[in-house]
Amino acid sequence: MKQNGTIELEGMEFHSFHGCLESERREGNLFTVDFRACLDLGKAAATDSLEDTLDYGRIYDIVAGQMQIPSDLIENVAGRIISAISDEFPWLDDFSVRVSKRNPPVSGRAAWSRVTLRHSGTPCHLEPSCHPDTPCHPDIPCHPDTPCHPERSEGSVTENQSCHPEQSEGSAGK
């Protein structure tokens, strides 16, 4: 029986050396990484076997390995993590990685800078709940409460978010 669900690994903390400034490369900073995957968990729910699910211990190891490699941009870090997870788990279609930098070097006070990258067969499957009836595809009907559709849920999509590729071109920000 198919049972779609979510596996999350949140708040992985690392002292890493990512950033464009010399001080960031020398002193490092606190980074957190969050992972979220949508997948069929029916077999694991029935068998109680690690072989029938996504091993989030391996996800942690992959993230930790990538966090040790210095990068100028957290976009690059998130992209490398996505690629490494995709290489190890090619069957995993829908997942996201969020990399957050504590106290980014800006001219004012900011607690975090964050980048979220998604690896997904459908542009917005992870928003909001991985429910199979909310595919967020322009040619497939979806649930009226899906926040990916501004015409169905007013005010729920920010300027830089979109479920439809044709709406999101050029809207990415740094």
Protein backbone atom coordinates (compact mmCIF):
# COMPACT_ATOMS: atom_id res chain seq x y z
CA MET A 1 0.00 0.00 0.00
CA LYS A 2 1.38 3.37 -1.01
CA GLN A 3 1.72 5.76 1.92
CA ASN A 4 3.34 9.05 0.99
CA GLY A 5 5.19 10.71 3.83
CA THR A 6 8.05 12.97 4.81
CA ILE A 7 11.45 12.22 6.30
CA GLU A 8 13.19 15.24 7.78
CA LEU A 9 16.57 15.77 9.36
CA GLU A 10 16.62 19.26 10.82
CA GLY A 11 19.12 21.40 12.66
CA MET A 12 22.32 19.64 11.65
CA GLU A 13 24.98 22.01 13.02
CA PHE A 14 28.47 22.55 11.68
CA HIS A 15 31.30 24.99 12.27
CA SER A 16 32.37 25.56 8.68
CA PHE A 17 34.41 27.99 6.62
CA HIS A 18 32.03 29.18 3.89
CA GLY A 19 31.92 32.77 2.71
CA CYS A 20 33.46 35.33 0.41
CA LEU A 21 35.27 37.29 3.11
CA GLU A 22 38.74 36.36 4.35
CA SER A 23 37.49 36.51 7.95
CA GLU A 24 34.77 33.94 7.17
CA ARG A 25 37.35 31.60 5.66
CA ARG A 26 39.75 32.09 8.58
CA GLU A 27 37.37 32.06 11.60
CA GLY A 28 34.45 30.08 10.26
CA ASN A 29 30.86 30.35 11.39
CA LEU A 30 27.91 28.32 12.62
CA PHE A 31 25.85 26.75 9.83
CA THR A 32 22.76 24.62 10.06
CA VAL A 33 21.43 22.29 7.40
CA ASP A 34 17.88 20.99 7.11
CA PHE A 35 16.88 18.08 4.87
CA ARG A 36 13.35 17.13 3.83
CA ALA A 37 12.28 14.31 1.52
CA CYS A 38 8.86 13.20 0.30
CA LEU A 39 8.59 9.53 -0.51
CA ASP A 40 6.49 6.40 -0.20
CA LEU A 41 6.94 5.11 3.36
CA GLY A 42 4.36 2.31 3.11
CA LYS A 43 6.82 -0.57 2.89
CA ALA A 44 8.93 0.69 5.82
CA ALA A 45 5.78 1.24 7.88
CA ALA A 46 4.80 -2.39 7.24
CA THR A 47 8.20 -4.11 7.57
CA ASP A 48 9.98 -2.04 10.24
CA SER A 49 13.16 -2.49 8.20
CA LEU A 50 15.83 0.16 7.51
CA GLU A 51 16.37 -1.36 4.06
CA ASP A 52 12.84 -0.24 3.11
CA THR A 53 13.32 3.46 3.83
CA LEU A 54 15.75 6.33 3.44
CA ASP A 55 18.68 6.01 5.85
CA TYR A 56 18.93 9.48 7.35
CA GLY A 57 22.20 8.46 8.99
CA ARG A 58 23.69 8.38 5.49
CA ILE A 59 22.07 11.74 4.74
CA TYR A 60 23.85 13.21 7.77
CA ASP A 61 27.18 11.73 6.67
CA ILE A 62 26.78 13.16 3.16
CA VAL A 63 25.90 16.61 4.51
CA ALA A 64 28.80 16.54 7.00
CA GLY A 65 31.25 15.66 4.24
CA GLN A 66 30.09 18.51 2.03
CA MET A 67 30.14 21.01 4.91
CA GLN A 68 33.87 20.36 5.35
CA ILE A 69 34.62 21.69 1.84
CA PRO A 70 34.91 25.52 1.93
CA SER A 71 32.85 27.50 -0.59
CA ASP A 72 32.31 31.17 -1.26
CA LEU A 73 28.53 30.78 -1.54
CA ILE A 74 26.06 28.76 0.49
CA GLU A 75 24.23 28.23 -2.82
CA ASN A 76 27.24 26.17 -3.89
CA VAL A 77 27.21 24.22 -0.63
CA ALA A 78 23.50 23.41 -0.99
CA GLY A 79 24.02 22.44 -4.64
CA ARG A 80 26.85 20.06 -3.77
CA ILE A 81 24.74 18.46 -1.03
CA ILE A 82 21.82 18.01 -3.47
CA SER A 83 24.16 16.42 -6.03
CA ALA A 84 25.79 14.10 -3.50
CA ILE A 85 22.43 12.91 -2.13
CA SER A 86 21.08 12.44 -5.65
CA ASP A 87 24.18 10.40 -6.60
CA GLU A 88 23.80 8.08 -3.61
CA PHE A 89 20.00 7.83 -3.75
CA PRO A 90 19.08 8.14 -7.46
CA TRP A 91 15.57 6.85 -6.75
CA LEU A 92 14.85 9.78 -4.41
CA ASP A 93 12.85 12.22 -6.54
CA ASP A 94 11.55 14.90 -4.17
CA PHE A 95 13.79 16.47 -1.55
CA SER A 96 15.11 19.81 -0.40
CA VAL A 97 18.17 21.08 1.43
CA ARG A 98 18.33 24.34 3.36
CA VAL A 99 21.71 25.78 4.37
CA SER A 100 21.67 28.60 6.92
CA LYS A 101 24.57 30.85 7.96
CA ARG A 102 24.45 32.41 11.45
CA ASN A 103 25.09 36.18 11.70
CA PRO A 104 25.92 36.79 8.03
CA PRO A 105 28.29 39.71 7.35
CA VAL A 106 25.85 42.43 6.32
CA SER A 107 25.74 46.13 7.20
CA GLY A 108 22.98 45.59 9.78
CA ARG A 109 21.68 42.96 12.14
CA ALA A 110 20.59 39.66 10.59
CA ALA A 111 20.28 36.41 12.50
CA TRP A 112 20.57 34.08 9.48
CA SER A 113 21.05 33.99 5.75
CA ARG A 114 19.44 30.95 4.15
CA VAL A 115 19.36 29.15 0.83
CA THR A 116 16.96 26.34 0.00
CA LEU A 117 17.43 24.17 -3.07
CA ARG A 118 14.97 21.54 -4.25
CA HIS A 119 15.49 18.40 -6.27
CA SER A 120 12.07 17.46 -7.55
CA GLY A 121 10.36 15.89 -10.51
CA THR A 122 7.45 18.33 -10.07
CA PRO A 123 8.32 21.96 -9.34
CA CYS A 124 6.50 22.28 -6.03
CA HIS A 125 5.81 18.80 -4.70
CA LEU A 126 7.36 19.67 -1.33
CA GLU A 127 4.96 22.59 -0.77
CA PRO A 128 3.18 22.29 1.62
CA SER A 129 2.85 18.64 2.53
CA CYS A 130 3.80 16.01 -0.04
CA HIS A 131 0.15 15.06 -0.34
CA PRO A 132 -0.42 13.16 -3.60
CA ASP A 133 -3.50 15.26 -4.39
CA THR A 134 -1.47 18.49 -4.43
CA PRO A 135 0.93 18.03 -7.34
CA CYS A 136 1.24 21.76 -8.16
CA HIS A 137 1.44 21.19 -11.87
CA PRO A 138 -0.37 23.52 -14.29
CA ASP A 139 -2.01 20.61 -16.15
CA ILE A 140 -3.10 18.61 -13.10
CA PRO A 141 -5.91 19.71 -10.77
CA CYS A 142 -4.75 20.33 -7.26
CA HIS A 143 -6.07 20.83 -3.79
CA PRO A 144 -7.59 24.31 -3.30
CA ASP A 145 -5.48 24.98 -0.19
CA THR A 146 -2.17 24.35 -1.95
CA PRO A 147 -0.07 27.47 -1.30
CA CYS A 148 1.69 27.06 -4.63
CA HIS A 149 -1.30 28.44 -6.47
CA PRO A 150 -1.83 32.13 -5.77
CA GLU A 151 -5.13 32.02 -7.60
CA ARG A 152 -6.36 29.45 -5.07
CA SER A 153 -4.69 30.68 -1.88
CA GLU A 154 -4.24 34.43 -1.91
CA GLY A 155 -1.06 35.82 -0.42
CA SER A 156 0.56 32.45 0.17
CA VAL A 157 3.34 32.70 -2.38
CA THR A 158 6.13 35.18 -1.86
CA GLU A 159 7.83 37.13 -4.62
CA ASN A 160 10.61 34.58 -5.05
CA GLN A 161 8.43 31.47 -4.91
CA SER A 162 6.47 29.84 -7.66
CA CYS A 163 5.24 26.40 -8.46
CA HIS A 164 5.25 26.93 -12.16
CA PRO A 165 8.59 27.22 -13.97
CA GLU A 166 7.20 29.79 -16.39
CA GLN A 167 6.38 32.07 -13.43
CA SER A 168 9.68 31.68 -11.62
CA GLU A 169 12.16 32.62 -14.35
CA GLY A 170 14.24 35.53 -13.22
CA SER A 171 12.68 35.64 -9.77
CA ALA A 172 15.56 34.01 -7.87
CA GLY A 173 17.34 36.20 -5.37
CA LYS A 174 20.55 36.02 -3.41
